[in-house]
Each structure stands twice: as C-alpha cells, then as structure tokens.
Amino acid sequence: MTKPKLLSRFYKKTAKTILKENYSECLSSAKHGLERETLRVDGKGQISKKNHPQSLGSALTHPLIKTDFAEPQVEYATGAYKTIEETMGELTELHAFTLRKLDGETLWPFSMPGPLPSEDKIPVGLYGTSKEGRKKTIYRKGLGNRYGRKMQTISGVHYNLSFDKCLLSFISDLRYKKPLTKETQSQIYFDTIRNFNRISPVLLYFFGASSLIDESFHKEDKNLSSYRKKTLYSPFATTLRLSSIGYTSAVQGKHPISVNSLKDYSYDMCAAVSKPYSGYSSISEKEQLNDHYLQIENEYYSLVRPKQVPHGDERVLDALMERGVEYLEIRLLDVDPFSPVGVEENRLYFIHLLLLHCLLSDSPKADRSEMKDWKANQEKVTWNGRNPKTSVQFMGEKWNFSEFIYQVLVELQPIADILDRNDSENGKYSKAWEAQWEKWNDPGLLATTISELDLNINKMSYAEFGLKLSQSHAQYLKEIPISLERMQYFEDMAEQSLYEQKKLENLEGSHLKKNQKPIELKPLNICSGTV
C-alpha cells in the first residue's frame, strides 16, 4: 500500500475545536429517517397480481405505508427520530405488521426484481379517483413509458439525515463567519452533497448487493453472462441497480443539475421540469403528466437529494427555495437481502460517519467536467467495483479504487473515535467502521460475493434463492413480538387513511370519466421568468 495522501484538506481547526470544546455531542446528534421499497410476491416468487391490501390502509394517504411505482411495490417511510435505533425499531414494526396482514404473500428481499411478466402486465400504482390520486397514477404511467416498467420495479433503501443545529451553527461560524441562516444552512448541505458525490463509490462497493438478476429483467448486454438456472450476473459488479441497466437515465444525463448552491440547483431544475424533450412528445397526455425532461422534480435520479418537507400541495422546489435545505436523502443503498427489513443498522452508522466527513472537509465547487467524472465513477464501480484493477477519478486525479477506499477509511477512523468518546462500551461507529474495513480486507464478506456463493452452494437460481430468503424473513417477522397496543395503533392508522382517501374523493366529487381533463400541475413559483 502506498503512503496515504489526504483526500481533501480536512478542517483541522474544526477537529481540534470539537475535541477541545467537547462538541462531540453536536457531532453525533442528528435526526434519522428511512424509506424501504419492496415487491410483494406470491408463493412462487412471482410479483403479486393483487391490489395493495386494504388492511395496510390507503397508499395515497397513509403516512408510513405507501406504494412506490407498481401496485404490488410496498414503500415504508418511517418518521424522523433522534437515534438510528428508534428509526430501525419503527421500520421493523412496520414490516412485522405487514407480514401479519398479507395473505399468502411475502416481501422480495433483493433490489433487483425476481421473475417479471411482460411490461404491459406490470400494474402501476392505483390511488383512487381524487385529483392527487389520478396525478400519482399518471405520473407513474409516464415513468413506465419513459424508462420501462421493469426498470421501475427496482427497489432500494433511502436514508434521510438532518444534522443538528448545534453542528450547523458551528460550521456556519467557522466556514462563513456568519450565524446560521437558511442560506448558510443550505450551502453547508450543498457542500456536503458535492463531497458525498466524490466519495460515493466507496458506499457502492460496501453496500452494493445486486450483481445477480433474473433473465426476465434484461437479457442483452455485453457485460452480462449466464450464472445458472435463468440467472445472469456480472462477475465484478457491485450494484446493477445503479448501473446503465438499472435506475439511471441517459436522457436525464443530457440535463445535469448543479449542486454548487441552492440557486444553481433550482435554476437547472427549473429548466429540466419546464423544457419539452422531443423523445417524449409522442406519449399521450393521458400517459404522462407532460413531455418535459422531468415530469416533476422527484423524477430526477441522483445518489443524494437536498430535501425540505412541502406544505400541502406545495411543489418540492418551491419548498426548498422558501425554507432552505432541511435534510439529505441518501438514495444509493441496495436492499440488504440478508436483513428481514432490507437494511442493517451498522450501515446507517457508517453512512452517518461518512456524511460527517463530507460536512467537515473542504468542498470546492464542481464544474461539468467533474460531474462527468462522478457519473463515470458510478458506471465503473457498479459494473467493475470488485475488479482489483478498477480505477476512479477524484478531483482530477486517478486512483486505484482499492487504494481510494483505503484512504477514505483511514480518514474516517478518527471521526469514529470522536463519536464513540461518550459511548466507549458500545462503540457503534467504530464497530460500523471495522465492519467495512473487514470487507475491504476480504471481499468475500461483500453481500454480492456472499449471494453468488449461496446460489452455487445451494444449486439455486436467483428466483429460487430470493423466494427462499423472502419466506425465511417472513417467518422471522411474524414471530417478532409486537404489543397489542402497537398493532391497534397501526390498524387505526390504516383505517384512518382509508377514511381520509374517501373523504378527499367525496369532497372533490371525483369520478372517472371517459373524457376527463388532463391533470394540470401547480406551477412552480420560483421558475416563472427564469427559463
């Protein structure tokens, strides 16, 4: 191993002050939230033909249990909690509640789907007859027409994190010589986003878990080869979910979105949601919301998003501009196939650790050339991250990928020590760091390698292995103790959401008609006159 080089100029003054003035509580304090997507499958591992179960509530109005693209694609969204343990606890309860309500179905354990029917037989989400419900369905039809319904069945885990105001104020004073405002807070988050994009290949390597696919998903690609029994794979892949055959878009690549500042981000996003794209002009107005590069802001595919909670029917971008960035949505996590709830706790500790490094480090502005490097790094690592010869670009410099991972780990370790100063007995951040160090030292511990090995040992196809795992997870979740009070709480929430949907539909007097007018989106206030 060559002598380590600093990946970026670390804020030595920041680190010293944190240690000297005991800012470690500010450093570790945050709010955490999780979203997990998964497909309901029947006893043969086929995606469910049943509608979203009424026992789970309304996919339109339920605050915690929704659907993503497809009608059988469940999406969980926890609340925001001060500890990762609380967040994981609610996610686990939501899974346990669901498995007690499903009739003969289980939850698919991988990001990449199992056996799929033809495109036209994959049902998009149904949300009722209200204006908001119809908008959601038409938006999903648009996604299917633009990217293919099979691609939209890919599932992932999103980790939402909001830094403590104490830490943000400290960074604002140190970096900008100003008290914390919504403007400086947003800039701190965008600084963090740029650094996250620079070192995100490390997370693609450690947490990628999708090197295998069923042949019904995608057959023709020079990078894919047969593995066994209707199973395809790429031998050095980490996460096909985020590769060129996964959750990516060449069209969106024509319209890069700057992350240098909230102003630059909003300007580019305004253009993307306002400018027609000729390739989409032939799609019927009933089959998409519009023919723009992006139908709405949330269609944009990125590994991390700046977020602010919209109020009522407020547009996402208007909420950001009005109140600034409130939290980051980390979108690159594959579903962990060996976790019954799709994510392992120590992964979240490690990502929090890495985000703190991104926050505390210098973050130069990124030009279009560097943004192209980020995309190129993603494509290299998703397909060839386990190849020892793979290289990545960082700030214009070429790195051997293994050495790059090593250097990031070296720089993260002191922060883990600081975070665990007041919790030396458990040492959660250090243990999370050690788990990734072991994966770097032994690639046999990666989820991709373990999945491939399991298929060989058990002489199973990807579909058979996925079904076996889903059934094992279902049995585990059904046996998790959940109090009568909590069961009643979730049942009441489901019933209330059904009531809220019906109330909304009755209030609007919405009824499906043959000549119903197309949905018109609320205009973006900040975009008027800018594009």
Protein backbone atom coordinates (compact mmCIF):
# COMPACT_ATOMS: atom_id res chain seq x y z
CA MET A 1 0.00 0.00 0.00
CA THR A 2 1.38 3.39 -0.96
CA LYS A 3 1.79 6.15 1.59
CA PRO A 4 -1.67 7.70 2.18
CA LYS A 5 -2.42 11.10 0.66
CA LEU A 6 -5.01 13.47 2.04
CA LEU A 7 -8.21 13.03 0.07
CA SER A 8 -9.13 16.63 0.82
CA ARG A 9 -7.90 19.28 3.19
CA PHE A 10 -9.54 18.32 6.45
CA TYR A 11 -10.73 21.10 8.71
CA LYS A 12 -8.02 20.61 11.34
CA LYS A 13 -9.27 23.61 13.26
CA THR A 14 -12.75 22.09 13.26
CA ALA A 15 -11.50 18.74 14.56
CA LYS A 16 -9.38 20.35 17.27
CA THR A 17 -12.24 22.56 18.42
CA ILE A 18 -14.64 19.62 18.53
CA LEU A 19 -12.20 17.76 20.77
CA LYS A 20 -11.17 20.70 22.92
CA GLU A 21 -14.61 22.19 23.49
CA ASN A 22 -16.42 18.85 23.68
CA TYR A 23 -18.56 19.29 20.57
CA SER A 24 -18.82 15.51 20.17
CA GLU A 25 -22.49 15.56 21.19
CA CYS A 26 -23.21 18.11 18.43
CA LEU A 27 -21.32 15.87 16.02
CA SER A 28 -23.25 12.70 16.79
CA SER A 29 -26.67 14.31 17.28
CA ALA A 30 -28.95 14.14 14.22
CA LYS A 31 -32.39 13.11 13.00
CA HIS A 32 -32.69 9.88 11.06
CA GLY A 33 -35.39 8.52 8.78
CA LEU A 34 -35.69 5.50 6.48
CA GLU A 35 -37.60 4.56 3.33
CA ARG A 36 -37.59 0.98 2.09
CA GLU A 37 -39.15 -0.33 -1.13
CA THR A 38 -40.03 -3.97 -1.76
CA LEU A 39 -42.21 -6.08 -4.04
CA ARG A 40 -44.99 -8.30 -2.74
CA VAL A 41 -44.58 -11.78 -4.23
CA ASP A 42 -46.77 -14.87 -4.23
CA GLY A 43 -45.84 -18.40 -3.14
CA LYS A 44 -43.98 -18.97 -6.43
CA GLY A 45 -41.94 -15.79 -6.22
CA GLN A 46 -43.97 -14.01 -8.93
CA ILE A 47 -44.94 -10.38 -8.32
CA SER A 48 -48.39 -10.17 -6.79
CA LYS A 49 -51.44 -9.65 -9.00
CA LYS A 50 -53.43 -8.39 -6.01
CA ASN A 51 -54.10 -4.73 -5.29
CA HIS A 52 -52.49 -3.04 -2.29
CA PRO A 53 -54.15 -4.72 0.71
CA GLN A 54 -56.91 -2.68 2.37
CA SER A 55 -55.62 -3.99 5.71
CA LEU A 56 -52.48 -1.89 5.16
CA GLY A 57 -54.52 1.25 4.51
CA SER A 58 -54.57 3.74 1.66
CA ALA A 59 -51.39 4.03 -0.44
CA LEU A 60 -52.42 7.64 -1.09
CA THR A 61 -52.94 8.96 2.43
CA HIS A 62 -51.16 6.56 4.83
CA PRO A 63 -48.17 8.40 6.35
CA LEU A 64 -45.96 5.31 6.80
CA ILE A 65 -47.03 2.55 4.37
CA LYS A 66 -47.43 3.52 0.72
CA THR A 67 -46.66 2.07 -2.70
CA ASP A 68 -43.82 3.13 -4.98
CA PHE A 69 -44.15 2.64 -8.77
CA ALA A 70 -46.04 -0.62 -9.05
CA GLU A 71 -49.25 -1.57 -7.27
CA PRO A 72 -47.50 -4.55 -5.57
CA GLN A 73 -44.44 -2.43 -4.64
CA VAL A 74 -44.72 -1.51 -0.95
CA GLU A 75 -42.85 1.54 0.32
CA TYR A 76 -42.25 2.16 4.02
CA ALA A 77 -41.42 5.65 5.29
CA THR A 78 -40.53 5.98 8.97
CA GLY A 79 -40.76 9.14 10.99
CA ALA A 80 -37.63 11.19 11.81
CA TYR A 81 -36.01 10.10 15.08
CA LYS A 82 -33.05 11.24 17.15
CA THR A 83 -31.44 7.79 17.14
CA ILE A 84 -30.82 5.16 14.50
CA GLU A 85 -32.16 2.52 16.92
CA GLU A 86 -35.56 4.23 17.12
CA THR A 87 -35.73 4.54 13.34
CA MET A 88 -34.85 0.89 12.83
CA GLY A 89 -37.37 -0.04 15.52
CA GLU A 90 -40.26 1.59 13.66
CA LEU A 91 -39.17 0.09 10.34
CA THR A 92 -39.11 -3.36 11.93
CA GLU A 93 -42.58 -2.87 13.45
CA LEU A 94 -43.97 -1.80 10.07
CA HIS A 95 -42.61 -4.98 8.50
CA ALA A 96 -43.94 -7.15 11.33
CA PHE A 97 -47.38 -5.54 11.00
CA THR A 98 -47.38 -6.06 7.21
CA LEU A 99 -46.47 -9.75 7.37
CA ARG A 100 -49.34 -10.34 9.79
CA LYS A 101 -51.72 -8.81 7.24
CA LEU A 102 -50.52 -10.35 3.97
CA ASP A 103 -52.45 -13.35 2.68
CA GLY A 104 -50.03 -15.96 1.31
CA GLU A 105 -47.53 -13.34 0.17
CA THR A 106 -44.00 -12.38 1.21
CA LEU A 107 -41.65 -9.46 0.51
CA TRP A 108 -38.94 -9.82 -2.15
CA PRO A 109 -35.50 -9.49 -0.44
CA PHE A 110 -33.39 -8.06 -3.30
CA SER A 111 -33.20 -4.68 -5.03
CA MET A 112 -33.41 -6.27 -8.48
CA PRO A 113 -36.81 -7.91 -9.04
CA GLY A 114 -37.43 -11.63 -9.36
CA PRO A 115 -39.22 -13.15 -12.36
CA LEU A 116 -41.24 -10.50 -14.17
CA PRO A 117 -44.13 -10.71 -16.64
CA SER A 118 -44.17 -8.63 -19.83
CA GLU A 119 -44.06 -4.83 -19.48
CA ASP A 120 -47.79 -4.35 -20.03
CA LYS A 121 -48.65 -6.80 -17.25
CA ILE A 122 -46.78 -4.89 -14.53
CA PRO A 123 -49.51 -2.79 -12.86
CA VAL A 124 -48.78 0.83 -11.95
CA GLY A 125 -49.88 2.11 -8.57
CA LEU A 126 -53.56 2.93 -8.11
CA TYR A 127 -54.51 5.82 -5.84
CA GLY A 128 -58.22 6.36 -6.35
CA THR A 129 -60.21 8.98 -8.18
CA SER A 130 -59.17 12.21 -6.46
CA LYS A 131 -57.07 14.72 -8.38
CA GLU A 132 -53.99 13.88 -6.31
CA GLY A 133 -54.62 10.16 -6.74
CA ARG A 134 -55.01 10.42 -10.51
CA LYS A 135 -51.90 12.61 -10.71
CA LYS A 136 -49.86 9.93 -8.93
CA THR A 137 -51.08 7.21 -11.29
CA ILE A 138 -50.49 9.27 -14.46
CA TYR A 139 -47.02 10.21 -13.22
CA ARG A 140 -46.22 6.51 -12.82
CA LYS A 141 -47.57 5.75 -16.29
CA GLY A 142 -45.18 8.41 -17.54
CA LEU A 143 -42.26 6.75 -15.74
CA GLY A 144 -43.20 3.41 -17.30
CA ASN A 145 -43.40 4.91 -20.79
CA ARG A 146 -40.10 6.73 -20.40
CA TYR A 147 -37.92 4.15 -18.70
CA GLY A 148 -39.83 0.87 -18.89
CA ARG A 149 -41.99 -0.68 -16.21
CA LYS A 150 -39.45 -3.41 -15.48
CA MET A 151 -36.83 -0.81 -14.58
CA GLN A 152 -39.29 0.87 -12.22
CA THR A 153 -39.76 -2.34 -10.21
CA ILE A 154 -36.18 -1.99 -8.92
CA SER A 155 -36.26 -1.29 -5.19
CA GLY A 156 -33.88 0.44 -2.80
CA VAL A 157 -33.40 1.92 0.65
CA HIS A 158 -33.23 5.68 1.26
CA TYR A 159 -31.60 7.04 4.39
CA ASN A 160 -32.64 10.55 5.43
CA LEU A 161 -30.37 12.55 7.73
CA SER A 162 -30.64 16.02 9.22
CA PHE A 163 -27.61 17.43 11.04
CA ASP A 164 -28.05 19.00 14.47
CA LYS A 165 -28.49 22.81 14.50
CA CYS A 166 -25.66 22.98 17.03
CA LEU A 167 -23.25 21.47 14.49
CA LEU A 168 -24.60 23.51 11.57
CA SER A 169 -24.23 26.72 13.59
CA PHE A 170 -20.66 25.80 14.50
CA ILE A 171 -19.76 25.15 10.82
CA SER A 172 -21.51 28.34 9.68
CA ASP A 173 -19.50 30.42 12.16
CA LEU A 174 -16.23 28.73 11.25
CA ARG A 175 -16.61 28.50 7.47
CA TYR A 176 -18.67 31.57 6.58
CA LYS A 177 -18.06 33.80 9.63
CA LYS A 178 -21.85 34.18 9.90
CA PRO A 179 -24.57 32.97 12.25
CA LEU A 180 -26.68 30.13 10.90
CA THR A 181 -29.41 31.20 8.48
CA LYS A 182 -31.46 29.18 5.98
CA GLU A 183 -28.99 30.38 3.31
CA THR A 184 -25.84 29.24 5.12
CA GLN A 185 -27.54 26.02 6.20
CA SER A 186 -28.45 25.23 2.59
CA GLN A 187 -24.89 26.00 1.46
CA ILE A 188 -23.45 23.65 4.11
CA TYR A 189 -25.72 20.88 2.83
CA PHE A 190 -24.71 21.50 -0.79
CA ASP A 191 -21.03 21.50 0.21
CA THR A 192 -21.72 18.11 1.82
CA ILE A 193 -23.52 16.83 -1.29
CA ARG A 194 -20.53 17.58 -3.52
CA ASN A 195 -18.15 15.71 -1.23
CA PHE A 196 -20.61 12.84 -0.96
CA ASN A 197 -20.68 12.50 -4.76
CA ARG A 198 -16.89 12.48 -4.77
CA ILE A 199 -16.55 9.54 -2.38
CA SER A 200 -19.86 7.74 -3.04
CA PRO A 201 -18.09 4.91 -4.96
CA VAL A 202 -16.95 3.63 -1.55
CA LEU A 203 -20.58 3.10 -0.49
CA LEU A 204 -21.46 1.49 -3.84
CA TYR A 205 -18.71 -1.04 -3.12
CA PHE A 206 -19.51 -1.77 0.52
CA PHE A 207 -23.31 -1.78 0.27
CA GLY A 208 -23.94 -2.92 -3.29
CA ALA A 209 -25.90 -6.17 -3.24
CA SER A 210 -27.18 -6.64 -6.78
CA SER A 211 -24.74 -8.44 -9.06
CA LEU A 212 -27.39 -11.07 -9.94
CA ILE A 213 -30.59 -10.67 -11.97
CA ASP A 214 -33.35 -12.87 -13.30
CA GLU A 215 -33.14 -13.29 -17.07
CA SER A 216 -36.68 -11.88 -17.43
CA PHE A 217 -35.36 -8.45 -16.39
CA HIS A 218 -32.64 -7.96 -19.01
CA LYS A 219 -31.06 -10.39 -21.45
CA GLU A 220 -28.96 -8.45 -23.92
CA ASP A 221 -25.88 -6.74 -22.52
CA LYS A 222 -22.22 -7.43 -23.27
CA ASN A 223 -21.41 -7.11 -19.56
CA LEU A 224 -23.82 -9.87 -18.51
CA SER A 225 -23.20 -13.59 -18.65
CA SER A 226 -25.09 -16.69 -17.59
CA TYR A 227 -24.63 -17.77 -13.98
CA ARG A 228 -27.02 -20.66 -13.51
CA LYS A 229 -30.71 -21.55 -14.00
CA LYS A 230 -32.16 -18.45 -15.71
CA THR A 231 -29.81 -16.24 -13.68
CA LEU A 232 -27.49 -13.62 -15.18
CA TYR A 233 -24.64 -11.77 -13.48
CA SER A 234 -21.62 -9.60 -13.99
CA PRO A 235 -18.55 -11.10 -12.25
CA PHE A 236 -17.13 -7.83 -10.83
CA ALA A 237 -20.42 -5.95 -10.33
CA THR A 238 -21.38 -4.31 -7.05
CA THR A 239 -24.82 -2.82 -7.74
CA LEU A 240 -26.51 -3.40 -11.09
CA ARG A 241 -29.40 -1.43 -9.60
CA LEU A 242 -27.39 1.75 -10.21
CA SER A 243 -25.65 0.66 -13.41
CA SER A 244 -26.57 1.51 -17.00
CA ILE A 245 -29.21 -1.28 -16.99
CA GLY A 246 -30.64 -0.10 -13.67
CA TYR A 247 -32.06 3.03 -12.12
CA THR A 248 -30.30 5.53 -14.40
CA SER A 249 -31.34 7.70 -17.35
CA ALA A 250 -29.39 8.75 -20.44
CA VAL A 251 -31.97 11.46 -21.15
CA GLN A 252 -31.54 12.98 -17.69
CA GLY A 253 -27.80 12.93 -18.33
CA LYS A 254 -28.38 15.50 -21.07
CA HIS A 255 -29.58 17.95 -18.41
CA PRO A 256 -27.10 17.84 -15.47
CA ILE A 257 -28.24 19.57 -12.27
CA SER A 258 -25.63 21.68 -10.49
CA VAL A 259 -25.09 21.10 -6.76
CA ASN A 260 -22.85 24.12 -6.20
CA SER A 261 -25.59 26.09 -4.45
CA LEU A 262 -29.34 26.13 -3.93
CA LYS A 263 -29.61 28.92 -6.52
CA ASP A 264 -27.72 26.91 -9.17
CA TYR A 265 -29.62 23.75 -8.30
CA SER A 266 -33.00 25.46 -8.60
CA TYR A 267 -32.07 27.13 -11.92
CA ASP A 268 -31.09 23.83 -13.53
CA MET A 269 -34.07 22.02 -12.02
CA CYS A 270 -36.44 24.70 -13.35
CA ALA A 271 -35.07 24.09 -16.83
CA ALA A 272 -35.44 20.30 -16.52
CA VAL A 273 -39.10 20.46 -15.41
CA SER A 274 -40.01 23.19 -17.91
CA LYS A 275 -38.34 22.26 -21.21
CA PRO A 276 -40.03 19.73 -23.54
CA TYR A 277 -37.97 16.75 -24.70
CA SER A 278 -38.75 15.68 -28.26
CA GLY A 279 -38.42 11.99 -27.42
CA TYR A 280 -41.40 12.22 -25.06
CA SER A 281 -43.68 14.28 -27.33
CA SER A 282 -45.31 11.19 -28.86
CA ILE A 283 -46.53 9.90 -25.48
CA SER A 284 -50.20 10.63 -24.88
CA GLU A 285 -51.15 13.35 -22.36
CA LYS A 286 -53.10 10.66 -20.51
CA GLU A 287 -49.95 8.56 -20.20
CA GLN A 288 -47.66 11.18 -18.64
CA LEU A 289 -48.03 14.49 -16.80
CA ASN A 290 -46.15 16.39 -19.52
CA ASP A 291 -43.42 15.91 -22.15
CA HIS A 292 -40.66 17.74 -20.26
CA TYR A 293 -37.22 16.32 -19.43
CA LEU A 294 -38.67 15.69 -15.96
CA GLN A 295 -42.41 15.48 -15.31
CA ILE A 296 -41.80 16.72 -11.74
CA GLU A 297 -38.75 17.33 -9.55
CA ASN A 298 -38.85 13.89 -7.89
CA GLU A 299 -38.25 12.16 -11.22
CA TYR A 300 -34.61 13.24 -11.10
CA TYR A 301 -32.28 10.29 -10.42
CA SER A 302 -29.36 11.12 -8.15
CA LEU A 303 -27.44 9.37 -5.39
CA VAL A 304 -28.31 12.13 -2.92
CA ARG A 305 -31.03 14.80 -2.86
CA PRO A 306 -31.41 18.04 -0.88
CA LYS A 307 -34.83 17.94 0.80
CA GLN A 308 -37.39 20.14 2.51
CA VAL A 309 -40.84 18.97 3.59
CA PRO A 310 -43.53 20.55 1.32
CA HIS A 311 -46.62 22.07 2.92
CA GLY A 312 -49.95 20.93 1.45
CA ASP A 313 -49.74 20.91 -2.36
CA GLU A 314 -46.54 22.98 -2.39
CA ARG A 315 -44.06 21.93 -5.10
CA VAL A 316 -40.82 20.32 -3.93
CA LEU A 317 -38.61 23.03 -5.42
CA ASP A 318 -40.72 25.85 -4.00
CA ALA A 319 -40.41 24.29 -0.54
CA LEU A 320 -36.62 24.20 -0.90
CA MET A 321 -36.38 27.80 -2.01
CA GLU A 322 -38.82 29.05 0.60
CA ARG A 323 -37.32 27.36 3.67
CA GLY A 324 -33.93 26.04 2.54
CA VAL A 325 -32.49 22.52 2.80
CA GLU A 326 -33.67 20.64 5.90
CA TYR A 327 -32.14 17.21 5.35
CA LEU A 328 -30.35 14.94 2.86
CA GLU A 329 -31.88 11.88 1.23
CA ILE A 330 -29.20 9.25 0.56
CA ARG A 331 -30.50 7.09 -2.30
CA LEU A 332 -27.69 4.69 -3.18
CA LEU A 333 -28.35 1.85 -0.73
CA ASP A 334 -29.28 -1.51 -2.22
CA VAL A 335 -31.75 -3.57 -0.27
CA ASP A 336 -29.73 -5.85 2.02
CA PRO A 337 -31.01 -9.33 1.05
CA PHE A 338 -29.89 -10.84 4.36
CA SER A 339 -31.78 -8.38 6.55
CA PRO A 340 -35.50 -9.07 7.13
CA VAL A 341 -36.17 -5.31 6.89
CA GLY A 342 -33.78 -4.65 4.00
CA VAL A 343 -31.14 -2.64 5.86
CA GLU A 344 -28.53 -3.36 8.50
CA GLU A 345 -28.12 -0.94 11.40
CA ASN A 346 -24.35 -0.59 11.19
CA ARG A 347 -24.66 0.57 7.56
CA LEU A 348 -26.51 3.65 8.79
CA TYR A 349 -23.84 4.38 11.40
CA PHE A 350 -21.19 4.16 8.71
CA ILE A 351 -23.08 6.46 6.32
CA HIS A 352 -23.61 8.98 9.13
CA LEU A 353 -19.87 8.80 9.80
CA LEU A 354 -19.07 9.34 6.12
CA LEU A 355 -21.52 12.25 5.84
CA LEU A 356 -19.81 13.95 8.77
CA HIS A 357 -16.50 13.63 6.93
CA CYS A 358 -18.16 15.21 3.88
CA LEU A 359 -19.54 18.01 6.06
CA LEU A 360 -16.25 18.78 7.81
CA SER A 361 -14.00 18.63 4.74
CA ASP A 362 -13.29 21.40 2.24
CA SER A 363 -15.64 21.22 -0.73
CA PRO A 364 -14.56 23.04 -3.90
CA LYS A 365 -17.24 23.92 -6.45
CA ALA A 366 -17.78 21.24 -9.11
CA ASP A 367 -17.70 22.04 -12.83
CA ARG A 368 -19.34 19.99 -15.59
CA SER A 369 -16.13 18.03 -16.14
CA GLU A 370 -16.02 16.83 -12.55
CA MET A 371 -19.72 15.94 -12.64
CA LYS A 372 -18.96 13.73 -15.66
CA ASP A 373 -16.28 12.04 -13.55
CA TRP A 374 -18.90 11.28 -10.88
CA LYS A 375 -21.10 9.57 -13.47
CA ALA A 376 -18.13 7.70 -14.95
CA ASN A 377 -17.06 6.53 -11.48
CA GLN A 378 -20.58 5.28 -10.79
CA GLU A 379 -20.66 3.29 -14.03
CA LYS A 380 -17.20 1.82 -13.43
CA VAL A 381 -17.88 0.77 -9.85
CA THR A 382 -21.37 -0.61 -10.41
CA TRP A 383 -20.04 -2.94 -13.13
CA ASN A 384 -16.41 -3.48 -12.07
CA GLY A 385 -16.02 -2.38 -8.46
CA ARG A 386 -14.72 -5.80 -7.37
CA ASN A 387 -12.02 -5.87 -10.04
CA PRO A 388 -8.66 -5.05 -8.33
CA LYS A 389 -7.58 -3.13 -11.46
CA THR A 390 -10.51 -0.69 -11.39
CA SER A 391 -9.64 2.99 -11.06
CA VAL A 392 -11.67 6.10 -10.21
CA GLN A 393 -11.19 9.83 -10.71
CA PHE A 394 -11.08 12.12 -7.69
CA MET A 395 -10.64 15.88 -8.16
CA GLY A 396 -8.88 15.30 -11.49
CA GLU A 397 -6.55 12.64 -10.09
CA LYS A 398 -6.62 8.96 -10.99
CA TRP A 399 -6.75 6.50 -8.08
CA ASN A 400 -6.65 2.73 -7.91
CA PHE A 401 -10.09 2.02 -6.44
CA SER A 402 -8.84 -0.24 -3.66
CA GLU A 403 -6.33 2.42 -2.54
CA PHE A 404 -9.07 5.05 -2.73
CA ILE A 405 -11.28 3.01 -0.38
CA TYR A 406 -8.34 2.53 1.97
CA GLN A 407 -7.67 6.27 2.10
CA VAL A 408 -11.31 7.10 2.85
CA LEU A 409 -11.33 4.54 5.67
CA VAL A 410 -8.12 5.99 7.12
CA GLU A 411 -9.68 9.46 7.23
CA LEU A 412 -12.95 8.25 8.73
CA GLN A 413 -11.41 6.36 11.65
CA PRO A 414 -10.55 9.43 13.82
CA ILE A 415 -14.13 10.72 13.47
CA ALA A 416 -15.44 7.34 14.64
CA ASP A 417 -13.25 7.66 17.74
CA ILE A 418 -14.67 11.12 18.49
CA LEU A 419 -18.26 9.91 18.06
CA ASP A 420 -17.68 6.97 20.40
CA ARG A 421 -15.96 9.00 23.15
CA ASN A 422 -19.14 9.08 25.22
CA ASP A 423 -20.13 5.52 24.31
CA SER A 424 -16.90 3.59 24.51
CA GLU A 425 -18.67 0.48 25.80
CA ASN A 426 -20.76 0.02 22.66
CA GLY A 427 -18.58 1.90 20.16
CA LYS A 428 -21.27 1.75 17.45
CA TYR A 429 -19.46 3.99 14.97
CA SER A 430 -16.14 2.21 15.44
CA LYS A 431 -17.82 -1.18 15.02
CA ALA A 432 -19.51 0.04 11.83
CA TRP A 433 -16.13 1.28 10.58
CA GLU A 434 -14.47 -2.03 11.46
CA ALA A 435 -17.13 -3.99 9.56
CA GLN A 436 -16.30 -2.07 6.37
CA TRP A 437 -12.55 -2.36 6.98
CA GLU A 438 -13.00 -6.13 7.10
CA LYS A 439 -14.87 -6.04 3.76
CA TRP A 440 -12.05 -4.01 2.22
CA ASN A 441 -9.55 -6.55 3.55
CA ASP A 442 -11.67 -9.54 2.49
CA PRO A 443 -14.06 -9.00 -0.49
CA GLY A 444 -15.57 -12.40 0.34
CA LEU A 445 -17.58 -10.58 3.03
CA LEU A 446 -19.40 -8.36 0.50
CA ALA A 447 -23.12 -9.05 0.03
CA THR A 448 -22.58 -9.56 -3.71
CA THR A 449 -19.95 -12.25 -3.17
CA ILE A 450 -22.00 -13.98 -0.45
CA SER A 451 -25.12 -14.05 -2.68
CA GLU A 452 -23.21 -15.60 -5.57
CA LEU A 453 -21.64 -18.18 -3.26
CA ASP A 454 -25.02 -19.09 -1.73
CA LEU A 455 -26.51 -19.71 -5.16
CA ASN A 456 -23.67 -22.08 -6.03
CA ILE A 457 -23.68 -23.94 -2.71
CA ASN A 458 -27.46 -24.42 -2.74
CA LYS A 459 -27.60 -25.03 -6.51
CA MET A 460 -30.42 -22.49 -6.82
CA SER A 461 -31.44 -19.88 -9.34
CA TYR A 462 -31.72 -16.22 -8.36
CA ALA A 463 -35.52 -16.60 -8.32
CA GLU A 464 -35.39 -19.69 -6.08
CA PHE A 465 -32.90 -18.11 -3.69
CA GLY A 466 -34.94 -14.89 -3.46
CA LEU A 467 -38.13 -16.80 -2.67
CA LYS A 468 -36.38 -18.88 -0.01
CA LEU A 469 -34.97 -15.75 1.64
CA SER A 470 -38.32 -13.94 1.49
CA GLN A 471 -40.08 -16.86 3.18
CA SER A 472 -37.41 -17.06 5.88
CA HIS A 473 -37.68 -13.31 6.54
CA ALA A 474 -41.48 -13.55 6.65
CA GLN A 475 -41.36 -16.28 9.28
CA TYR A 476 -38.94 -14.23 11.36
CA LEU A 477 -41.04 -11.08 11.14
CA LYS A 478 -44.26 -12.89 12.04
CA GLU A 479 -42.60 -14.12 15.22
CA ILE A 480 -41.27 -10.72 16.31
CA PRO A 481 -43.21 -9.66 19.40
CA ILE A 482 -45.42 -6.65 18.75
CA SER A 483 -47.72 -5.40 21.51
CA LEU A 484 -51.49 -5.29 21.18
CA GLU A 485 -51.31 -1.53 21.61
CA ARG A 486 -48.91 -1.14 18.67
CA MET A 487 -50.96 -3.48 16.48
CA GLN A 488 -54.05 -1.43 17.28
CA TYR A 489 -52.12 1.76 16.56
CA PHE A 490 -51.16 0.57 13.06
CA GLU A 491 -54.65 -0.80 12.39
CA ASP A 492 -56.21 2.52 13.40
CA MET A 493 -53.75 4.35 11.17
CA ALA A 494 -54.69 2.11 8.22
CA GLU A 495 -58.40 2.64 8.82
CA GLN A 496 -57.95 6.40 9.18
CA SER A 497 -56.01 6.59 5.90
CA LEU A 498 -58.85 4.81 4.05
CA TYR A 499 -61.28 7.28 5.55
CA GLU A 500 -59.08 10.22 4.51
CA GLN A 501 -58.90 9.00 0.91
CA LYS A 502 -62.67 8.50 0.69
CA LYS A 503 -63.25 11.91 2.29
CA LEU A 504 -60.95 13.54 -0.28
CA GLU A 505 -62.73 11.84 -3.17
CA ASN A 506 -66.18 12.75 -1.87
CA LEU A 507 -65.12 16.35 -1.28
CA GLU A 508 -63.89 16.72 -4.84
CA GLY A 509 -66.78 14.74 -6.29
CA SER A 510 -64.23 12.89 -8.39
CA HIS A 511 -65.48 10.16 -10.72
CA LEU A 512 -63.59 8.50 -13.54
CA LYS A 513 -64.94 9.69 -16.90
CA LYS A 514 -64.00 8.87 -20.45
CA ASN A 515 -63.24 12.49 -21.34
CA GLN A 516 -61.74 13.55 -18.05
CA LYS A 517 -59.44 16.58 -18.43
CA PRO A 518 -55.68 16.00 -18.14
CA ILE A 519 -54.11 16.76 -14.77
CA GLU A 520 -52.58 20.23 -14.56
CA LEU A 521 -49.63 20.63 -12.20
CA LYS A 522 -49.43 23.54 -9.81
CA PRO A 523 -46.93 26.00 -11.39
CA LEU A 524 -43.53 26.39 -9.77
CA ASN A 525 -43.40 29.87 -8.27
CA ILE A 526 -39.63 30.17 -8.42
CA CYS A 527 -39.40 29.18 -12.09
CA SER A 528 -41.55 31.94 -13.56
CA GLY A 529 -39.34 34.13 -15.73
CA THR A 530 -36.16 32.12 -15.12
CA VAL A 531 -36.40 29.66 -18.01
